[in-house]
Amino acid sequence: VRHAGGVTGFRVSIGDGEVEISVSDGSQARPCERTPRPLVREGGYGWGLVTRLARVEVVAGPGDGKTVRARLPLTSAHSAYEHPRFVPA
């Protein structure tokens, strides 16, 4: 949400074994992955995490803006290690 450039909507819903997080903003720019800068300790990790852990869609809004929807399966902490995209640190 920090880099969204003026959030106009935020929604979380749970159903059918998944959680959906939707964020809308007034920008038409699509999200993009930035190169992490560990020595600066700021940014570059969020979008990469989202796209690795969730099914993501970006939908153009009416006029300017967009909505980004991320859907994640509801799992127990134990089964998270079995997620096909899980990469241990």
PDB file of N, CA and C in Angstrom:
ATOM      1  N   VAL A   1       0.831  -1.182   0.000  1.00  0.00           N
ATOM      2  CA  VAL A   1       0.000   0.000   0.000  1.00  0.00           C
ATOM      3  C   VAL A   1       0.876   1.247   0.000  1.00  0.00           C
ATOM      4  N   ARG A   2       2.066   1.141   0.540  1.00  0.00           N
ATOM      5  CA  ARG A   2       2.963   2.282   0.648  1.00  0.00           C
ATOM      6  C   ARG A   2       3.294   2.915  -0.704  1.00  0.00           C
ATOM      7  N   HIS A   3       3.453   2.104  -1.751  1.00  0.00           N
ATOM      8  CA  HIS A   3       3.872   2.622  -3.051  1.00  0.00           C
ATOM      9  C   HIS A   3       2.706   2.785  -4.023  1.00  0.00           C
ATOM     10  N   ALA A   4       1.491   2.718  -3.538  1.00  0.00           N
ATOM     11  CA  ALA A   4       0.330   2.717  -4.424  1.00  0.00           C
ATOM     12  C   ALA A   4       0.006   4.087  -4.995  1.00  0.00           C
ATOM     13  N   GLY A   5       0.540   5.160  -4.451  1.00  0.00           N
ATOM     14  CA  GLY A   5       0.298   6.482  -5.011  1.00  0.00           C
ATOM     15  C   GLY A   5      -1.117   6.978  -4.810  1.00  0.00           C
ATOM     16  N   GLY A   6      -1.620   6.930  -3.615  1.00  0.00           N
ATOM     17  CA  GLY A   6      -2.959   7.424  -3.331  1.00  0.00           C
ATOM     18  C   GLY A   6      -4.008   6.338  -3.362  1.00  0.00           C
ATOM     19  N   VAL A   7      -4.047   5.530  -2.345  1.00  0.00           N
ATOM     20  CA  VAL A   7      -5.001   4.423  -2.273  1.00  0.00           C
ATOM     21  C   VAL A   7      -6.418   4.978  -2.240  1.00  0.00           C
ATOM     22  N   THR A   8      -7.276   4.450  -3.125  1.00  0.00           N
ATOM     23  CA  THR A   8      -8.672   4.866  -3.157  1.00  0.00           C
ATOM     24  C   THR A   8      -9.613   3.780  -2.653  1.00  0.00           C
ATOM     25  N   GLY A   9      -9.090   2.574  -2.455  1.00  0.00           N
ATOM     26  CA  GLY A   9      -9.909   1.483  -1.935  1.00  0.00           C
ATOM     27  C   GLY A   9      -9.042   0.348  -1.430  1.00  0.00           C
ATOM     28  N   PHE A  10      -9.530  -0.318  -0.386  1.00  0.00           N
ATOM     29  CA  PHE A  10      -8.818  -1.457   0.194  1.00  0.00           C
ATOM     30  C   PHE A  10      -9.864  -2.424   0.707  1.00  0.00           C
ATOM     31  N   ARG A  11      -9.756  -3.702   0.315  1.00  0.00           N
ATOM     32  CA  ARG A  11     -10.755  -4.683   0.734  1.00  0.00           C
ATOM     33  C   ARG A  11     -10.087  -6.025   0.990  1.00  0.00           C
ATOM     34  N   VAL A  12     -10.536  -6.701   2.030  1.00  0.00           N
ATOM     35  CA  VAL A  12     -10.086  -8.056   2.338  1.00  0.00           C
ATOM     36  C   VAL A  12     -11.329  -8.917   2.475  1.00  0.00           C
ATOM     37  N   SER A  13     -11.341 -10.060   1.796  1.00  0.00           N
ATOM     38  CA  SER A  13     -12.468 -10.977   1.929  1.00  0.00           C
ATOM     39  C   SER A  13     -11.942 -12.405   2.021  1.00  0.00           C
ATOM     40  N   ILE A  14     -12.710 -13.244   2.703  1.00  0.00           N
ATOM     41  CA  ILE A  14     -12.337 -14.641   2.896  1.00  0.00           C
ATOM     42  C   ILE A  14     -13.478 -15.510   2.393  1.00  0.00           C
ATOM     43  N   GLY A  15     -13.137 -16.531   1.625  1.00  0.00           N
ATOM     44  CA  GLY A  15     -14.146 -17.453   1.118  1.00  0.00           C
ATOM     45  C   GLY A  15     -13.524 -18.486   0.205  1.00  0.00           C
ATOM     46  N   ASP A  16     -14.179 -19.617   0.083  1.00  0.00           N
ATOM     47  CA  ASP A  16     -13.725 -20.702  -0.798  1.00  0.00           C
ATOM     48  C   ASP A  16     -12.278 -21.104  -0.548  1.00  0.00           C
ATOM     49  N   GLY A  17     -11.855 -21.111   0.729  1.00  0.00           N
ATOM     50  CA  GLY A  17     -10.517 -21.570   1.073  1.00  0.00           C
ATOM     51  C   GLY A  17      -9.398 -20.617   0.718  1.00  0.00           C
ATOM     52  N   GLU A  18      -9.729 -19.345   0.477  1.00  0.00           N
ATOM     53  CA  GLU A  18      -8.691 -18.375   0.160  1.00  0.00           C
ATOM     54  C   GLU A  18      -9.037 -17.009   0.735  1.00  0.00           C
ATOM     55  N   VAL A  19      -8.026 -16.170   0.830  1.00  0.00           N
ATOM     56  CA  VAL A  19      -8.223 -14.783   1.226  1.00  0.00           C
ATOM     57  C   VAL A  19      -7.887 -13.922   0.010  1.00  0.00           C
ATOM     58  N   GLU A  20      -8.727 -12.917  -0.242  1.00  0.00           N
ATOM     59  CA  GLU A  20      -8.488 -12.001  -1.359  1.00  0.00           C
ATOM     60  C   GLU A  20      -8.252 -10.608  -0.800  1.00  0.00           C
ATOM     61  N   ILE A  21      -7.160 -10.000  -1.220  1.00  0.00           N
ATOM     62  CA  ILE A  21      -6.824  -8.636  -0.823  1.00  0.00           C
ATOM     63  C   ILE A  21      -6.847  -7.793  -2.084  1.00  0.00           C
ATOM     64  N   SER A  22      -7.650  -6.719  -2.073  1.00  0.00           N
ATOM     65  CA  SER A  22      -7.757  -5.827  -3.225  1.00  0.00           C
ATOM     66  C   SER A  22      -7.343  -4.425  -2.814  1.00  0.00           C
ATOM     67  N   VAL A  23      -6.491  -3.810  -3.622  1.00  0.00           N
ATOM     68  CA  VAL A  23      -6.057  -2.435  -3.388  1.00  0.00           C
ATOM     69  C   VAL A  23      -6.291  -1.657  -4.675  1.00  0.00           C
ATOM     70  N   SER A  24      -7.015  -0.539  -4.573  1.00  0.00           N
ATOM     71  CA  SER A  24      -7.268   0.321  -5.727  1.00  0.00           C
ATOM     72  C   SER A  24      -6.537   1.635  -5.529  1.00  0.00           C
ATOM     73  N   ASP A  25      -6.082   2.214  -6.652  1.00  0.00           N
ATOM     74  CA  ASP A  25      -5.449   3.531  -6.584  1.00  0.00           C
ATOM     75  C   ASP A  25      -5.761   4.305  -7.854  1.00  0.00           C
ATOM     76  N   GLY A  26      -5.325   5.541  -7.908  1.00  0.00           N
ATOM     77  CA  GLY A  26      -5.632   6.416  -9.032  1.00  0.00           C
ATOM     78  C   GLY A  26      -4.607   6.397 -10.140  1.00  0.00           C
ATOM     79  N   SER A  27      -3.651   5.502 -10.096  1.00  0.00           N
ATOM     80  CA  SER A  27      -2.592   5.441 -11.105  1.00  0.00           C
ATOM     81  C   SER A  27      -2.856   4.311 -12.096  1.00  0.00           C
ATOM     82  N   GLN A  28      -2.534   4.544 -13.364  1.00  0.00           N
ATOM     83  CA  GLN A  28      -2.652   3.490 -14.363  1.00  0.00           C
ATOM     84  C   GLN A  28      -1.380   2.657 -14.452  1.00  0.00           C
ATOM     85  N   ALA A  29      -0.313   3.070 -13.776  1.00  0.00           N
ATOM     86  CA  ALA A  29       0.960   2.342 -13.822  1.00  0.00           C
ATOM     87  C   ALA A  29       0.799   0.967 -13.182  1.00  0.00           C
ATOM     88  N   ARG A  30       1.299  -0.053 -13.872  1.00  0.00           N
ATOM     89  CA  ARG A  30       1.232  -1.413 -13.332  1.00  0.00           C
ATOM     90  C   ARG A  30       2.319  -1.603 -12.278  1.00  0.00           C
ATOM     91  N   PRO A  31       2.049  -2.426 -11.271  1.00  0.00           N
ATOM     92  CA  PRO A  31       3.081  -2.715 -10.273  1.00  0.00           C
ATOM     93  C   PRO A  31       4.288  -3.369 -10.948  1.00  0.00           C
ATOM     94  N   CYS A  32       5.459  -3.124 -10.410  1.00  0.00           N
ATOM     95  CA  CYS A  32       6.659  -3.759 -10.955  1.00  0.00           C
ATOM     96  C   CYS A  32       7.613  -4.085  -9.808  1.00  0.00           C
ATOM     97  N   GLU A  33       8.425  -5.092 -10.051  1.00  0.00           N
ATOM     98  CA  GLU A  33       9.394  -5.516  -9.043  1.00  0.00           C
ATOM     99  C   GLU A  33      10.604  -4.596  -9.106  1.00  0.00           C
ATOM    100  N   ARG A  34      11.040  -4.143  -7.948  1.00  0.00           N
ATOM    101  CA  ARG A  34      12.249  -3.321  -7.862  1.00  0.00           C
ATOM    102  C   ARG A  34      13.380  -4.182  -7.340  1.00  0.00           C
ATOM    103  N   THR A  35      14.588  -3.758  -7.604  1.00  0.00           N
ATOM    104  CA  THR A  35      15.750  -4.474  -7.092  1.00  0.00           C
ATOM    105  C   THR A  35      15.910  -4.155  -5.612  1.00  0.00           C
ATOM    106  N   PRO A  36      15.924  -5.181  -4.742  1.00  0.00           N
ATOM    107  CA  PRO A  36      16.132  -4.928  -3.310  1.00  0.00           C
ATOM    108  C   PRO A  36      17.488  -4.276  -3.067  1.00  0.00           C
ATOM    109  N   ARG A  37      17.518  -3.385  -2.089  1.00  0.00           N
ATOM    110  CA  ARG A  37      18.759  -2.717  -1.704  1.00  0.00           C
ATOM    111  C   ARG A  37      18.994  -2.967  -0.218  1.00  0.00           C
ATOM    112  N   PRO A  38      19.553  -4.130   0.142  1.00  0.00           N
ATOM    113  CA  PRO A  38      19.693  -4.524   1.549  1.00  0.00           C
ATOM    114  C   PRO A  38      20.466  -3.525   2.404  1.00  0.00           C
ATOM    115  N   LEU A  39      21.466  -2.869   1.862  1.00  0.00           N
ATOM    116  CA  LEU A  39      22.251  -1.925   2.663  1.00  0.00           C
ATOM    117  C   LEU A  39      21.458  -0.671   2.999  1.00  0.00           C
ATOM    118  N   VAL A  40      20.485  -0.339   2.166  1.00  0.00           N
ATOM    119  CA  VAL A  40      19.630   0.815   2.425  1.00  0.00           C
ATOM    120  C   VAL A  40      18.493   0.421   3.361  1.00  0.00           C
ATOM    121  N   ARG A  41      18.159  -0.872   3.362  1.00  0.00           N
ATOM    122  CA  ARG A  41      17.101  -1.432   4.212  1.00  0.00           C
ATOM    123  C   ARG A  41      15.734  -0.839   3.906  1.00  0.00           C
ATOM    124  N   GLU A  42      15.489  -0.539   2.649  1.00  0.00           N
ATOM    125  CA  GLU A  42      14.192   0.017   2.303  1.00  0.00           C
ATOM    126  C   GLU A  42      13.714  -0.520   0.965  1.00  0.00           C
ATOM    127  N   GLY A  43      12.611  -1.204   0.978  1.00  0.00           N
ATOM    128  CA  GLY A  43      11.895  -1.553  -0.227  1.00  0.00           C
ATOM    129  C   GLY A  43      12.527  -2.591  -1.136  1.00  0.00           C
ATOM    130  N   GLY A  44      11.746  -2.899  -2.175  1.00  0.00           N
ATOM    131  CA  GLY A  44      12.190  -3.825  -3.192  1.00  0.00           C
ATOM    132  C   GLY A  44      11.768  -5.266  -2.990  1.00  0.00           C
ATOM    133  N   TYR A  45      11.074  -5.570  -1.914  1.00  0.00           N
ATOM    134  CA  TYR A  45      10.715  -6.957  -1.618  1.00  0.00           C
ATOM    135  C   TYR A  45       9.225  -7.253  -1.794  1.00  0.00           C
ATOM    136  N   GLY A  46       8.372  -6.289  -1.599  1.00  0.00           N
ATOM    137  CA  GLY A  46       6.928  -6.514  -1.542  1.00  0.00           C
ATOM    138  C   GLY A  46       6.303  -7.150  -2.764  1.00  0.00           C
ATOM    139  N   TRP A  47       6.478  -6.550  -3.939  1.00  0.00           N
ATOM    140  CA  TRP A  47       5.813  -7.066  -5.129  1.00  0.00           C
ATOM    141  C   TRP A  47       6.317  -8.463  -5.477  1.00  0.00           C
ATOM    142  N   GLY A  48       7.598  -8.704  -5.303  1.00  0.00           N
ATOM    143  CA  GLY A  48       8.143 -10.040  -5.543  1.00  0.00           C
ATOM    144  C   GLY A  48       7.512 -11.087  -4.644  1.00  0.00           C
ATOM    145  N   LEU A  49       7.314 -10.750  -3.373  1.00  0.00           N
ATOM    146  CA  LEU A  49       6.657 -11.677  -2.440  1.00  0.00           C
ATOM    147  C   LEU A  49       5.216 -11.940  -2.856  1.00  0.00           C
ATOM    148  N   VAL A  50       4.516 -10.869  -3.203  1.00  0.00           N
ATOM    149  CA  VAL A  50       3.114 -11.015  -3.598  1.00  0.00           C
ATOM    150  C   VAL A  50       2.989 -11.943  -4.801  1.00  0.00           C
ATOM    151  N   THR A  51       3.796 -11.726  -5.833  1.00  0.00           N
ATOM    152  CA  THR A  51       3.661 -12.534  -7.047  1.00  0.00           C
ATOM    153  C   THR A  51       4.126 -13.970  -6.862  1.00  0.00           C
ATOM    154  N   ARG A  52       4.961 -14.227  -5.870  1.00  0.00           N
ATOM    155  CA  ARG A  52       5.410 -15.596  -5.617  1.00  0.00           C
ATOM    156  C   ARG A  52       4.427 -16.391  -4.757  1.00  0.00           C
ATOM    157  N   LEU A  53       3.695 -15.702  -3.891  1.00  0.00           N
ATOM    158  CA  LEU A  53       2.817 -16.391  -2.945  1.00  0.00           C
ATOM    159  C   LEU A  53       1.345 -16.367  -3.329  1.00  0.00           C
ATOM    160  N   ALA A  54       0.960 -15.487  -4.240  1.00  0.00           N
ATOM    161  CA  ALA A  54      -0.460 -15.307  -4.534  1.00  0.00           C
ATOM    162  C   ALA A  54      -0.726 -15.373  -6.036  1.00  0.00           C
ATOM    163  N   ARG A  55      -1.994 -15.608  -6.359  1.00  0.00           N
ATOM    164  CA  ARG A  55      -2.454 -15.418  -7.743  1.00  0.00           C
ATOM    165  C   ARG A  55      -2.857 -13.957  -7.837  1.00  0.00           C
ATOM    166  N   VAL A  56      -2.302 -13.245  -8.797  1.00  0.00           N
ATOM    167  CA  VAL A  56      -2.487 -11.794  -8.873  1.00  0.00           C
ATOM    168  C   VAL A  56      -3.136 -11.412 -10.194  1.00  0.00           C
ATOM    169  N   GLU A  57      -4.046 -10.440 -10.120  1.00  0.00           N
ATOM    170  CA  GLU A  57      -4.575  -9.844 -11.341  1.00  0.00           C
ATOM    171  C   GLU A  57      -4.627  -8.335 -11.146  1.00  0.00           C
ATOM    172  N   VAL A  58      -4.353  -7.616 -12.222  1.00  0.00           N
ATOM    173  CA  VAL A  58      -4.412  -6.159 -12.218  1.00  0.00           C
ATOM    174  C   VAL A  58      -5.510  -5.772 -13.196  1.00  0.00           C
ATOM    175  N   VAL A  59      -6.508  -5.033 -12.695  1.00  0.00           N
ATOM    176  CA  VAL A  59      -7.671  -4.676 -13.495  1.00  0.00           C
ATOM    177  C   VAL A  59      -7.741  -3.162 -13.618  1.00  0.00           C
ATOM    178  N   ALA A  60      -7.838  -2.668 -14.849  1.00  0.00           N
ATOM    179  CA  ALA A  60      -7.990  -1.229 -15.064  1.00  0.00           C
ATOM    180  C   ALA A  60      -9.340  -0.787 -14.519  1.00  0.00           C
ATOM    181  N   GLY A  61      -9.323   0.358 -13.843  1.00  0.00           N
ATOM    182  CA  GLY A  61     -10.561   0.894 -13.303  1.00  0.00           C
ATOM    183  C   GLY A  61     -11.256   1.769 -14.325  1.00  0.00           C
ATOM    184  N   PRO A  62     -12.463   2.200 -14.016  1.00  0.00           N
ATOM    185  CA  PRO A  62     -13.134   3.137 -14.921  1.00  0.00           C
ATOM    186  C   PRO A  62     -12.387   4.472 -14.884  1.00  0.00           C
ATOM    187  N   GLY A  63     -12.053   5.011 -16.034  1.00  0.00           N
ATOM    188  CA  GLY A  63     -11.257   6.238 -16.066  1.00  0.00           C
ATOM    189  C   GLY A  63      -9.828   5.924 -15.684  1.00  0.00           C
ATOM    190  N   ASP A  64      -9.256   6.744 -14.837  1.00  0.00           N
ATOM    191  CA  ASP A  64      -7.894   6.502 -14.358  1.00  0.00           C
ATOM    192  C   ASP A  64      -7.928   5.494 -13.224  1.00  0.00           C
ATOM    193  N   GLY A  65      -6.806   4.852 -13.007  1.00  0.00           N
ATOM    194  CA  GLY A  65      -6.679   3.970 -11.858  1.00  0.00           C
ATOM    195  C   GLY A  65      -6.746   2.498 -12.196  1.00  0.00           C
ATOM    196  N   LYS A  66      -6.548   1.706 -11.146  1.00  0.00           N
ATOM    197  CA  LYS A  66      -6.530   0.249 -11.289  1.00  0.00           C
ATOM    198  C   LYS A  66      -6.855  -0.385  -9.949  1.00  0.00           C
ATOM    199  N   THR A  67      -7.134  -1.678  -9.985  1.00  0.00           N
ATOM    200  CA  THR A  67      -7.281  -2.484  -8.780  1.00  0.00           C
ATOM    201  C   THR A  67      -6.362  -3.682  -8.919  1.00  0.00           C
ATOM    202  N   VAL A  68      -5.577  -3.932  -7.879  1.00  0.00           N
ATOM    203  CA  VAL A  68      -4.705  -5.099  -7.826  1.00  0.00           C
ATOM    204  C   VAL A  68      -5.345  -6.075  -6.850  1.00  0.00           C
ATOM    205  N   ARG A  69      -5.601  -7.306  -7.320  1.00  0.00           N
ATOM    206  CA  ARG A  69      -6.196  -8.343  -6.475  1.00  0.00           C
ATOM    207  C   ARG A  69      -5.192  -9.468  -6.292  1.00  0.00           C
ATOM    208  N   ALA A  70      -4.976  -9.839  -5.042  1.00  0.00           N
ATOM    209  CA  ALA A  70      -4.089 -10.960  -4.719  1.00  0.00           C
ATOM    210  C   ALA A  70      -4.909 -11.995  -3.965  1.00  0.00           C
ATOM    211  N   ARG A  71      -4.878 -13.238  -4.441  1.00  0.00           N
ATOM    212  CA  ARG A  71      -5.614 -14.335  -3.795  1.00  0.00           C
ATOM    213  C   ARG A  71      -4.613 -15.351  -3.268  1.00  0.00           C
ATOM    214  N   LEU A  72      -4.721 -15.619  -1.960  1.00  0.00           N
ATOM    215  CA  LEU A  72      -3.827 -16.576  -1.307  1.00  0.00           C
ATOM    216  C   LEU A  72      -4.650 -17.691  -0.694  1.00  0.00           C
ATOM    217  N   PRO A  73      -4.184 -18.933  -0.799  1.00  0.00           N
ATOM    218  CA  PRO A  73      -4.903 -20.037  -0.165  1.00  0.00           C
ATOM    219  C   PRO A  73      -4.796 -19.936   1.351  1.00  0.00           C
ATOM    220  N   LEU A  74      -5.882 -20.276   2.035  1.00  0.00           N
ATOM    221  CA  LEU A  74      -5.856 -20.335   3.493  1.00  0.00           C
ATOM    222  C   LEU A  74      -5.255 -21.672   3.887  1.00  0.00           C
ATOM    223  N   THR A  75      -4.131 -21.636   4.595  1.00  0.00           N
ATOM    224  CA  THR A  75      -3.444 -22.857   5.001  1.00  0.00           C
ATOM    225  C   THR A  75      -3.003 -22.718   6.439  1.00  0.00           C
ATOM    226  N   SER A  76      -2.699 -23.833   7.056  1.00  0.00           N
ATOM    227  CA  SER A  76      -2.124 -23.796   8.396  1.00  0.00           C
ATOM    228  C   SER A  76      -0.653 -23.438   8.276  1.00  0.00           C
ATOM    229  N   ALA A  77      -0.041 -23.045   9.368  1.00  0.00           N
ATOM    230  CA  ALA A  77       1.383 -22.694   9.358  1.00  0.00           C
ATOM    231  C   ALA A  77       2.223 -23.877   8.894  1.00  0.00           C
ATOM    232  N   HIS A  78       1.855 -25.087   9.300  1.00  0.00           N
ATOM    233  CA  HIS A  78       2.616 -26.275   8.905  1.00  0.00           C
ATOM    234  C   HIS A  78       2.550 -26.492   7.398  1.00  0.00           C
ATOM    235  N   SER A  79       1.367 -26.356   6.817  1.00  0.00           N
ATOM    236  CA  SER A  79       1.239 -26.642   5.391  1.00  0.00           C
ATOM    237  C   SER A  79       1.832 -25.547   4.520  1.00  0.00           C
ATOM    238  N   ALA A  80       2.152 -24.391   5.084  1.00  0.00           N
ATOM    239  CA  ALA A  80       2.803 -23.341   4.297  1.00  0.00           C
ATOM    240  C   ALA A  80       4.133 -23.830   3.746  1.00  0.00           C
ATOM    241  N   TYR A  81       4.805 -24.708   4.492  1.00  0.00           N
ATOM    242  CA  TYR A  81       6.081 -25.250   4.023  1.00  0.00           C
ATOM    243  C   TYR A  81       5.895 -26.170   2.821  1.00  0.00           C
ATOM    244  N   GLU A  82       4.672 -26.635   2.609  1.00  0.00           N
ATOM    245  CA  GLU A  82       4.389 -27.514   1.487  1.00  0.00           C
ATOM    246  C   GLU A  82       3.885 -26.740   0.272  1.00  0.00           C
ATOM    247  N   HIS A  83       3.745 -25.417   0.401  1.00  0.00           N
ATOM    248  CA  HIS A  83       3.270 -24.586  -0.702  1.00  0.00           C
ATOM    249  C   HIS A  83       4.249 -24.713  -1.866  1.00  0.00           C
ATOM    250  N   PRO A  84       3.747 -24.888  -3.097  1.00  0.00           N
ATOM    251  CA  PRO A  84       4.653 -25.119  -4.227  1.00  0.00           C
ATOM    252  C   PRO A  84       5.633 -23.982  -4.476  1.00  0.00           C
ATOM    253  N   ARG A  85       5.335 -22.777  -4.013  1.00  0.00           N
ATOM    254  CA  ARG A  85       6.232 -21.646  -4.243  1.00  0.00           C
ATOM    255  C   ARG A  85       7.058 -21.290  -3.013  1.00  0.00           C
ATOM    256  N   PHE A  86       6.949 -22.075  -1.938  1.00  0.00           N
ATOM    257  CA  PHE A  86       7.693 -21.772  -0.714  1.00  0.00           C
ATOM    258  C   PHE A  86       9.182 -21.985  -0.937  1.00  0.00           C
ATOM    259  N   VAL A  87       9.956 -20.978  -0.591  1.00  0.00           N
ATOM    260  CA  VAL A  87      11.415 -21.077  -0.673  1.00  0.00           C
ATOM    261  C   VAL A  87      11.964 -20.712   0.696  1.00  0.00           C
ATOM    262  N   PRO A  88      12.594 -21.654   1.407  1.00  0.00           N
ATOM    263  CA  PRO A  88      13.117 -21.338   2.737  1.00  0.00           C
ATOM    264  C   PRO A  88      14.216 -20.281   2.657  1.00  0.00           C
ATOM    265  N   ALA A  89      14.281 -19.455   3.681  1.00  0.00           N
ATOM    266  CA  ALA A  89      15.288 -18.374   3.717  1.00  0.00           C
ATOM    267  C   ALA A  89      16.668 -18.917   3.986  1.00  0.00           C
TER     268      ALA A  89
END
